[in-house]
């Protein structure tokens, strides 16, 4: 059920258009980029862990 609600979430452009002020754009940008950055960080940490484990 959560996945369906997530997919029906309004687009970023719509959120910014309905924003109360311009400061809201920064929050939307951070909220959009944060999951991607966390995913990249986790992938890098797994890569480093496995690389160091194999080399020793």
Protein backbone atom coordinates (compact mmCIF):
# COMPACT_ATOMS: atom_id res chain seq x y z
CA UNK A 1 0.00 0.00 0.00
CA UNK A 2 2.85 2.39 0.82
CA UNK A 3 4.34 1.91 -2.63
CA UNK A 4 1.09 2.91 -4.30
CA UNK A 5 0.89 6.08 -2.20
CA UNK A 6 4.50 6.87 -3.00
CA UNK A 7 3.92 6.52 -6.73
CA UNK A 8 0.89 8.81 -6.62
CA UNK A 9 2.79 11.60 -4.85
CA UNK A 10 2.59 14.97 -6.65
CA UNK A 11 5.50 15.88 -8.90
CA UNK A 12 8.31 18.17 -7.80
CA UNK A 13 7.18 20.91 -10.16
CA UNK A 14 3.70 20.86 -8.64
CA UNK A 15 5.12 21.01 -5.11
CA UNK A 16 7.27 24.04 -5.98
CA UNK A 17 4.38 25.76 -7.78
CA UNK A 18 2.19 25.40 -4.68
CA UNK A 19 4.98 26.29 -2.24
CA UNK A 20 4.34 28.97 0.39
CA UNK A 21 7.68 30.71 -0.32
CA UNK A 22 10.95 30.32 -2.26
CA UNK A 23 12.72 28.70 0.71
CA UNK A 24 10.57 25.63 0.13
CA UNK A 25 12.51 24.86 -3.06
CA UNK A 26 15.65 24.11 -1.05
CA UNK A 27 13.79 21.61 1.11
CA UNK A 28 12.29 19.89 -1.92
CA UNK A 29 15.73 19.69 -3.56
CA UNK A 30 17.35 18.22 -0.45
CA UNK A 31 14.46 15.80 0.04
CA UNK A 32 14.79 14.68 -3.55
CA UNK A 33 18.57 14.24 -3.53
CA UNK A 34 18.99 12.75 -0.04
CA UNK A 35 17.69 9.22 -0.85
CA UNK A 36 19.99 9.07 -3.90
CA UNK A 37 23.02 10.20 -1.88
CA UNK A 38 22.30 7.67 0.87
CA UNK A 39 22.02 4.89 -1.72
CA UNK A 40 25.35 5.88 -3.28
CA UNK A 41 27.01 6.01 0.15
CA UNK A 42 25.72 2.56 1.12
CA UNK A 43 26.87 1.09 -2.22
CA UNK A 44 30.34 2.61 -1.75
CA UNK A 45 30.63 1.27 1.80
CA UNK A 46 29.64 -2.23 0.66
CA UNK A 47 32.19 -2.00 -2.15
CA UNK A 48 34.98 -0.91 0.23
CA UNK A 49 34.08 -3.60 2.75
CA UNK A 50 34.14 -6.38 0.16
CA UNK A 51 37.31 -5.09 -1.50
CA UNK A 52 39.20 -5.00 1.81
CA UNK A 53 37.88 -8.41 2.81
CA UNK A 54 39.09 -10.05 -0.42
CA UNK A 55 42.51 -8.37 -0.40
CA UNK A 56 43.47 -9.58 3.10
